[in-house]
N, C-alpha and C. Protein backbone atom coordinates (compact mmCIF):
# COMPACT_ATOMS: atom_id res chain seq x y z
N UNK A 1 0.81 -1.20 0.00
CA UNK A 1 0.00 0.00 0.00
C UNK A 1 0.86 1.27 0.00
N UNK A 2 2.17 1.12 0.14
CA UNK A 2 3.04 2.30 0.09
C UNK A 2 2.92 3.00 -1.25
N UNK A 3 2.77 2.22 -2.33
CA UNK A 3 2.65 2.81 -3.66
C UNK A 3 1.41 3.69 -3.75
N UNK A 4 0.30 3.25 -3.15
CA UNK A 4 -0.94 4.02 -3.18
C UNK A 4 -0.76 5.30 -2.36
N UNK A 5 -0.08 5.20 -1.25
CA UNK A 5 0.19 6.38 -0.42
C UNK A 5 0.99 7.40 -1.22
N UNK A 6 2.04 6.93 -1.93
CA UNK A 6 2.86 7.85 -2.73
C UNK A 6 2.06 8.43 -3.89
N UNK A 7 1.23 7.61 -4.53
CA UNK A 7 0.39 8.10 -5.62
C UNK A 7 -0.58 9.16 -5.12
N UNK A 8 -1.17 8.93 -3.96
CA UNK A 8 -2.07 9.91 -3.37
C UNK A 8 -1.34 11.22 -3.08
N UNK A 9 -0.12 11.12 -2.59
CA UNK A 9 0.68 12.32 -2.32
C UNK A 9 0.98 13.06 -3.62
N UNK A 10 1.31 12.33 -4.69
CA UNK A 10 1.59 12.95 -5.98
C UNK A 10 0.34 13.66 -6.52
N UNK A 11 -0.81 13.03 -6.39
CA UNK A 11 -2.05 13.67 -6.84
C UNK A 11 -2.32 14.92 -6.01
N UNK A 12 -1.98 14.88 -4.73
CA UNK A 12 -2.14 16.06 -3.89
C UNK A 12 -1.27 17.21 -4.36
N UNK A 13 -0.06 16.90 -4.83
CA UNK A 13 0.83 17.94 -5.37
C UNK A 13 0.21 18.56 -6.61
N UNK A 14 -0.30 17.72 -7.51
CA UNK A 14 -0.95 18.24 -8.72
C UNK A 14 -2.15 19.11 -8.38
N UNK A 15 -2.96 18.65 -7.43
CA UNK A 15 -4.14 19.42 -7.04
C UNK A 15 -3.74 20.76 -6.43
N UNK A 16 -2.68 20.77 -5.63
CA UNK A 16 -2.25 21.98 -4.93
C UNK A 16 -1.51 22.95 -5.86
N UNK A 17 -0.60 22.43 -6.68
CA UNK A 17 0.25 23.31 -7.48
C UNK A 17 -0.33 23.68 -8.83
N UNK A 18 -1.24 22.86 -9.37
CA UNK A 18 -1.79 23.16 -10.69
C UNK A 18 -3.24 23.59 -10.56
N UNK A 19 -4.10 22.66 -10.19
CA UNK A 19 -5.52 22.96 -10.02
C UNK A 19 -6.16 21.81 -9.28
N UNK A 20 -7.05 22.12 -8.36
CA UNK A 20 -7.65 21.07 -7.53
C UNK A 20 -8.52 20.11 -8.32
N UNK A 21 -8.96 20.49 -9.52
CA UNK A 21 -9.78 19.61 -10.35
C UNK A 21 -9.11 19.36 -11.70
N UNK A 22 -7.80 19.15 -11.69
CA UNK A 22 -7.04 18.91 -12.91
C UNK A 22 -7.55 17.64 -13.59
N UNK A 23 -8.01 17.75 -14.85
CA UNK A 23 -8.54 16.59 -15.55
C UNK A 23 -7.47 15.51 -15.80
N UNK A 24 -7.90 14.27 -15.84
CA UNK A 24 -7.00 13.15 -16.09
C UNK A 24 -6.32 13.29 -17.45
N UNK A 25 -7.01 13.84 -18.46
CA UNK A 25 -6.40 14.06 -19.77
C UNK A 25 -5.19 14.98 -19.66
N UNK A 26 -5.26 15.99 -18.81
CA UNK A 26 -4.13 16.90 -18.62
C UNK A 26 -2.96 16.16 -17.98
N UNK A 27 -3.25 15.33 -17.00
CA UNK A 27 -2.19 14.57 -16.32
C UNK A 27 -1.53 13.62 -17.30
N UNK A 28 -2.33 12.89 -18.10
CA UNK A 28 -1.79 11.94 -19.08
C UNK A 28 -0.91 12.68 -20.09
N UNK A 29 -1.35 13.84 -20.55
CA UNK A 29 -0.58 14.64 -21.50
C UNK A 29 0.73 15.11 -20.89
N UNK A 30 0.68 15.63 -19.68
CA UNK A 30 1.88 16.11 -19.00
C UNK A 30 2.89 14.99 -18.84
N UNK A 31 2.44 13.80 -18.43
CA UNK A 31 3.34 12.67 -18.24
C UNK A 31 3.91 12.19 -19.58
N UNK A 32 3.08 12.17 -20.62
CA UNK A 32 3.56 11.74 -21.94
C UNK A 32 4.66 12.67 -22.44
N UNK A 33 4.49 13.97 -22.29
CA UNK A 33 5.50 14.93 -22.75
C UNK A 33 6.75 14.82 -21.88
N UNK A 34 6.58 14.59 -20.58
CA UNK A 34 7.76 14.48 -19.72
C UNK A 34 8.61 13.26 -20.09
N UNK A 35 7.97 12.20 -20.56
CA UNK A 35 8.69 10.99 -20.97
C UNK A 35 9.22 11.09 -22.39
N UNK A 36 8.68 12.01 -23.19
CA UNK A 36 9.04 12.12 -24.60
C UNK A 36 9.19 13.59 -25.00
N UNK A 37 10.21 14.28 -24.50
CA UNK A 37 10.38 15.70 -24.84
C UNK A 37 10.49 15.88 -26.35
N UNK A 38 9.75 16.84 -26.88
CA UNK A 38 9.78 17.09 -28.32
C UNK A 38 8.83 16.22 -29.11
N UNK A 39 7.98 15.47 -28.41
CA UNK A 39 7.00 14.63 -29.10
C UNK A 39 6.08 15.53 -29.92
N UNK A 40 5.71 15.08 -31.10
CA UNK A 40 4.89 15.91 -31.98
C UNK A 40 3.41 15.73 -31.66
N UNK A 41 2.64 16.68 -32.09
CA UNK A 41 1.18 16.61 -31.88
C UNK A 41 0.60 15.33 -32.50
N UNK A 42 0.95 14.96 -33.75
CA UNK A 42 0.40 13.71 -34.29
C UNK A 42 0.79 12.48 -33.46
N UNK A 43 2.02 12.47 -32.94
CA UNK A 43 2.46 11.34 -32.10
C UNK A 43 1.65 11.30 -30.80
N UNK A 44 1.40 12.48 -30.22
CA UNK A 44 0.59 12.53 -29.00
C UNK A 44 -0.84 12.07 -29.25
N UNK A 45 -1.40 12.48 -30.39
CA UNK A 45 -2.76 12.05 -30.73
C UNK A 45 -2.85 10.53 -30.74
N UNK A 46 -1.86 9.90 -31.35
CA UNK A 46 -1.84 8.44 -31.44
C UNK A 46 -1.59 7.81 -30.06
N UNK A 47 -0.60 8.32 -29.33
CA UNK A 47 -0.24 7.75 -28.03
C UNK A 47 -1.39 7.84 -27.03
N UNK A 48 -2.06 8.99 -26.99
CA UNK A 48 -3.11 9.22 -26.00
C UNK A 48 -4.52 8.89 -26.53
N UNK A 49 -4.59 8.48 -27.79
CA UNK A 49 -5.88 8.19 -28.42
C UNK A 49 -6.85 9.36 -28.21
N UNK A 50 -6.35 10.55 -28.60
CA UNK A 50 -7.09 11.78 -28.38
C UNK A 50 -7.29 12.50 -29.71
N UNK A 51 -8.50 12.94 -30.01
CA UNK A 51 -8.71 13.69 -31.26
C UNK A 51 -7.89 14.98 -31.27
N UNK A 52 -7.59 15.45 -32.48
CA UNK A 52 -6.76 16.64 -32.66
C UNK A 52 -7.30 17.85 -31.91
N UNK A 53 -8.61 18.08 -31.98
CA UNK A 53 -9.20 19.23 -31.29
C UNK A 53 -9.04 19.16 -29.78
N UNK A 54 -9.27 17.98 -29.22
CA UNK A 54 -9.10 17.81 -27.77
C UNK A 54 -7.65 17.98 -27.36
N UNK A 55 -6.75 17.40 -28.14
CA UNK A 55 -5.33 17.53 -27.82
C UNK A 55 -4.90 18.99 -27.87
N UNK A 56 -5.31 19.71 -28.90
CA UNK A 56 -4.95 21.13 -29.01
C UNK A 56 -5.47 21.93 -27.82
N UNK A 57 -6.70 21.68 -27.41
CA UNK A 57 -7.25 22.39 -26.23
C UNK A 57 -6.48 22.05 -24.96
N UNK A 58 -6.12 20.78 -24.79
CA UNK A 58 -5.39 20.37 -23.60
C UNK A 58 -3.97 20.94 -23.58
N UNK A 59 -3.29 20.93 -24.73
CA UNK A 59 -1.96 21.52 -24.80
C UNK A 59 -2.04 23.02 -24.49
N UNK A 60 -3.04 23.68 -25.05
CA UNK A 60 -3.21 25.11 -24.79
C UNK A 60 -3.44 25.37 -23.30
N UNK A 61 -4.29 24.58 -22.67
CA UNK A 61 -4.58 24.77 -21.24
C UNK A 61 -3.34 24.58 -20.37
N UNK A 62 -2.45 23.67 -20.77
CA UNK A 62 -1.24 23.42 -19.99
C UNK A 62 -0.09 24.34 -20.38
N UNK A 63 -0.30 25.18 -21.39
CA UNK A 63 0.72 26.13 -21.84
C UNK A 63 0.44 27.50 -21.23
N UNK A 64 1.23 28.49 -21.62
CA UNK A 64 1.00 29.88 -21.23
C UNK A 64 0.59 30.61 -22.50
N UNK A 65 -0.53 31.31 -22.45
CA UNK A 65 -1.00 32.04 -23.62
C UNK A 65 -1.69 33.32 -23.16
N UNK A 66 -1.94 34.21 -24.11
CA UNK A 66 -2.56 35.49 -23.81
C UNK A 66 -3.93 35.55 -24.46
N UNK A 67 -4.91 35.96 -23.69
CA UNK A 67 -6.25 36.24 -24.21
C UNK A 67 -6.58 37.69 -23.90
N UNK A 68 -7.37 38.26 -24.76
CA UNK A 68 -7.80 39.64 -24.52
C UNK A 68 -9.17 39.61 -23.85
N UNK A 69 -9.26 40.27 -22.72
CA UNK A 69 -10.53 40.41 -22.01
C UNK A 69 -10.80 41.90 -21.85
N UNK A 70 -11.87 42.35 -22.47
CA UNK A 70 -12.23 43.77 -22.44
C UNK A 70 -11.06 44.62 -22.94
N UNK A 71 -10.45 44.16 -24.02
CA UNK A 71 -9.32 44.85 -24.67
C UNK A 71 -8.05 44.90 -23.82
N UNK A 72 -7.97 44.06 -22.79
CA UNK A 72 -6.78 44.00 -21.94
C UNK A 72 -6.18 42.60 -22.07
N UNK A 73 -4.87 42.51 -22.41
CA UNK A 73 -4.25 41.19 -22.49
C UNK A 73 -4.12 40.55 -21.11
N UNK A 74 -4.54 39.28 -21.03
CA UNK A 74 -4.50 38.55 -19.76
C UNK A 74 -3.78 37.22 -19.99
N UNK A 75 -2.77 36.93 -19.15
CA UNK A 75 -2.07 35.65 -19.23
C UNK A 75 -2.97 34.54 -18.70
N UNK A 76 -3.02 33.44 -19.43
CA UNK A 76 -3.82 32.29 -19.03
C UNK A 76 -2.97 31.03 -19.16
N UNK A 77 -3.50 29.91 -18.68
CA UNK A 77 -2.83 28.62 -18.81
C UNK A 77 -1.95 28.32 -17.60
N UNK A 78 -1.51 27.06 -17.53
CA UNK A 78 -0.75 26.59 -16.38
C UNK A 78 0.77 26.70 -16.55
N UNK A 79 1.25 27.06 -17.74
CA UNK A 79 2.68 27.24 -17.99
C UNK A 79 3.49 25.98 -17.68
N UNK A 80 2.97 24.82 -18.06
CA UNK A 80 3.68 23.55 -17.86
C UNK A 80 4.26 23.02 -19.17
N UNK A 81 3.64 23.38 -20.31
CA UNK A 81 4.08 22.92 -21.62
C UNK A 81 4.35 24.11 -22.53
N UNK A 82 5.16 23.87 -23.56
CA UNK A 82 5.38 24.85 -24.62
C UNK A 82 5.47 24.09 -25.93
N UNK A 83 5.17 24.78 -27.02
CA UNK A 83 5.26 24.16 -28.34
C UNK A 83 6.27 24.91 -29.20
N UNK A 84 6.88 24.18 -30.11
CA UNK A 84 7.80 24.74 -31.09
C UNK A 84 7.58 24.00 -32.40
N UNK A 85 7.92 24.61 -33.49
CA UNK A 85 7.87 23.93 -34.77
C UNK A 85 8.89 22.78 -34.76
N UNK A 86 8.49 21.63 -35.28
CA UNK A 86 9.39 20.49 -35.39
C UNK A 86 10.45 20.83 -36.44
N UNK A 87 11.74 20.71 -36.07
CA UNK A 87 12.79 21.08 -37.03
C UNK A 87 12.74 20.28 -38.34
N UNK A 88 12.34 19.02 -38.27
CA UNK A 88 12.29 18.20 -39.48
C UNK A 88 11.01 18.42 -40.30
N UNK A 89 9.94 18.86 -39.64
CA UNK A 89 8.66 19.07 -40.29
C UNK A 89 8.08 20.40 -39.81
N UNK A 90 8.40 21.50 -40.48
CA UNK A 90 8.03 22.84 -40.00
C UNK A 90 6.52 23.07 -39.83
N UNK A 91 5.69 22.24 -40.43
CA UNK A 91 4.25 22.42 -40.28
C UNK A 91 3.70 21.66 -39.07
N UNK A 92 4.58 20.95 -38.36
CA UNK A 92 4.17 20.13 -37.22
C UNK A 92 4.72 20.74 -35.94
N UNK A 93 3.90 20.76 -34.88
CA UNK A 93 4.35 21.28 -33.58
C UNK A 93 4.91 20.15 -32.73
N UNK A 94 6.02 20.44 -32.06
CA UNK A 94 6.59 19.54 -31.07
C UNK A 94 6.29 20.14 -29.69
N UNK A 95 6.11 19.28 -28.68
CA UNK A 95 5.69 19.73 -27.35
C UNK A 95 6.80 19.41 -26.34
N UNK A 96 7.08 20.37 -25.48
CA UNK A 96 8.13 20.26 -24.46
C UNK A 96 7.58 20.75 -23.12
N UNK A 97 8.23 20.34 -22.04
CA UNK A 97 7.93 20.91 -20.73
C UNK A 97 8.58 22.29 -20.62
N UNK A 98 7.94 23.18 -19.91
CA UNK A 98 8.57 24.46 -19.56
C UNK A 98 9.42 24.22 -18.31
N UNK A 99 10.12 25.23 -17.86
CA UNK A 99 10.88 25.11 -16.61
C UNK A 99 9.96 24.77 -15.45
N UNK A 100 8.80 25.40 -15.43
CA UNK A 100 7.81 25.12 -14.37
C UNK A 100 7.33 23.67 -14.46
N UNK A 101 7.11 23.19 -15.68
CA UNK A 101 6.69 21.81 -15.88
C UNK A 101 7.76 20.82 -15.45
N UNK A 102 9.02 21.14 -15.77
CA UNK A 102 10.13 20.27 -15.36
C UNK A 102 10.24 20.21 -13.84
N UNK A 103 10.08 21.36 -13.17
CA UNK A 103 10.15 21.39 -11.71
C UNK A 103 9.02 20.56 -11.10
N UNK A 104 7.83 20.66 -11.65
CA UNK A 104 6.70 19.88 -11.15
C UNK A 104 6.95 18.38 -11.34
N UNK A 105 7.45 17.98 -12.49
CA UNK A 105 7.74 16.57 -12.75
C UNK A 105 8.82 16.06 -11.79
N UNK A 106 9.84 16.87 -11.53
CA UNK A 106 10.88 16.46 -10.56
C UNK A 106 10.28 16.25 -9.18
N UNK A 107 9.39 17.15 -8.78
CA UNK A 107 8.75 17.00 -7.46
C UNK A 107 7.87 15.75 -7.42
N UNK A 108 7.14 15.49 -8.49
CA UNK A 108 6.33 14.27 -8.54
C UNK A 108 7.21 13.03 -8.47
N UNK A 109 8.33 13.04 -9.19
CA UNK A 109 9.24 11.90 -9.17
C UNK A 109 9.80 11.66 -7.77
N UNK A 110 10.18 12.75 -7.09
CA UNK A 110 10.68 12.61 -5.70
C UNK A 110 9.60 12.01 -4.80
N UNK A 111 8.37 12.44 -4.99
CA UNK A 111 7.26 11.96 -4.17
C UNK A 111 6.99 10.48 -4.42
N UNK A 112 7.14 10.05 -5.66
CA UNK A 112 6.84 8.66 -6.00
C UNK A 112 8.00 7.72 -5.74
N UNK A 113 9.19 8.26 -5.50
CA UNK A 113 10.37 7.43 -5.24
C UNK A 113 10.23 6.75 -3.87
N UNK A 114 10.47 5.44 -3.81
CA UNK A 114 10.39 4.75 -2.51
C UNK A 114 11.41 5.33 -1.52
N UNK A 115 11.01 5.39 -0.29
CA UNK A 115 11.87 5.90 0.79
C UNK A 115 11.96 4.85 1.89
N UNK A 116 13.07 4.87 2.59
CA UNK A 116 13.26 3.92 3.69
C UNK A 116 12.56 4.37 4.96
N UNK A 117 12.27 5.66 5.07
CA UNK A 117 11.70 6.20 6.30
C UNK A 117 10.19 6.43 6.20
N UNK A 118 9.51 5.81 5.23
CA UNK A 118 8.09 6.10 5.03
C UNK A 118 7.24 5.82 6.26
N UNK A 119 7.61 4.81 7.01
CA UNK A 119 6.79 4.47 8.17
C UNK A 119 6.72 5.61 9.18
N UNK A 120 7.69 6.50 9.15
CA UNK A 120 7.70 7.62 10.11
C UNK A 120 6.95 8.84 9.60
N UNK A 121 6.46 8.80 8.35
CA UNK A 121 5.73 9.96 7.82
C UNK A 121 4.38 10.11 8.50
N UNK A 122 3.92 11.34 8.74
CA UNK A 122 2.60 11.54 9.33
C UNK A 122 1.53 10.96 8.42
N UNK A 123 0.66 10.19 8.99
CA UNK A 123 -0.44 9.62 8.22
C UNK A 123 -0.10 8.34 7.50
N UNK A 124 1.17 7.87 7.57
CA UNK A 124 1.52 6.65 6.86
C UNK A 124 0.75 5.48 7.47
N UNK A 125 0.24 4.66 6.60
CA UNK A 125 -0.53 3.51 7.05
C UNK A 125 -2.03 3.78 7.00
N UNK A 126 -2.41 5.06 7.07
CA UNK A 126 -3.82 5.41 6.94
C UNK A 126 -4.17 5.30 5.47
N UNK A 127 -5.37 4.87 5.18
CA UNK A 127 -5.79 4.83 3.78
C UNK A 127 -5.76 6.23 3.23
N UNK A 128 -5.17 6.44 2.01
CA UNK A 128 -4.90 7.78 1.52
C UNK A 128 -6.12 8.65 1.30
N UNK A 129 -7.28 8.06 1.07
CA UNK A 129 -8.44 8.89 0.77
C UNK A 129 -9.36 9.09 1.98
N UNK A 130 -8.98 8.59 3.15
CA UNK A 130 -9.80 8.80 4.33
C UNK A 130 -9.99 10.29 4.62
N UNK A 131 -8.93 11.07 4.41
CA UNK A 131 -9.05 12.49 4.69
C UNK A 131 -9.77 13.22 3.56
N UNK A 132 -9.71 12.68 2.35
CA UNK A 132 -10.37 13.31 1.22
C UNK A 132 -11.86 13.02 1.22
N UNK A 133 -12.21 11.79 1.61
CA UNK A 133 -13.60 11.36 1.57
C UNK A 133 -14.01 10.81 2.94
N UNK A 134 -14.12 11.68 3.94
CA UNK A 134 -14.38 11.21 5.30
C UNK A 134 -15.72 10.49 5.44
N UNK A 135 -16.64 10.71 4.56
CA UNK A 135 -17.93 10.04 4.66
C UNK A 135 -17.98 8.71 3.97
N UNK A 136 -16.83 8.27 3.42
CA UNK A 136 -16.84 7.00 2.70
C UNK A 136 -17.13 5.85 3.67
N UNK A 137 -17.62 4.76 3.13
CA UNK A 137 -17.99 3.61 3.94
C UNK A 137 -16.81 3.10 4.76
N UNK A 138 -15.60 3.08 4.14
CA UNK A 138 -14.43 2.59 4.87
C UNK A 138 -14.05 3.53 6.01
N UNK A 139 -14.16 4.85 5.79
CA UNK A 139 -13.81 5.81 6.83
C UNK A 139 -14.81 5.75 7.99
N UNK A 140 -16.08 5.52 7.68
CA UNK A 140 -17.09 5.43 8.70
C UNK A 140 -16.89 4.17 9.55
N UNK A 141 -16.39 3.11 8.94
CA UNK A 141 -16.22 1.83 9.63
C UNK A 141 -15.10 1.90 10.67
N UNK A 142 -14.22 2.87 10.57
CA UNK A 142 -13.09 2.94 11.50
C UNK A 142 -13.51 3.41 12.87
């Protein structure tokens, strides 16, 4: 169950540092790019089995972009990904992590790495979702 505890902690980092309701598609995209820096949009579509429109929206949401609101430019997005033209195919975009995205992935990796002192961590041994879902049947049974 240590793996579940670490996974729960990693999800907590994503919820805290990115957004508390970060969609699973965003997480899958972020992890795919972290494992394959420079992966192209067509490759991501195939890997994630995601239509082009959905992939473009998800990449945009995880990137940094400017929108105009009432004629005022406003920065939007999570600043975790960036796109560049693929050097071999100039009409194709390649996707990379930003510095912020790389830092987040490093923190997730540290959280998921097994530790020898886990038994001494606060809450270790407690089911990871007891605090998230206190009304669950398992939490009530305790």
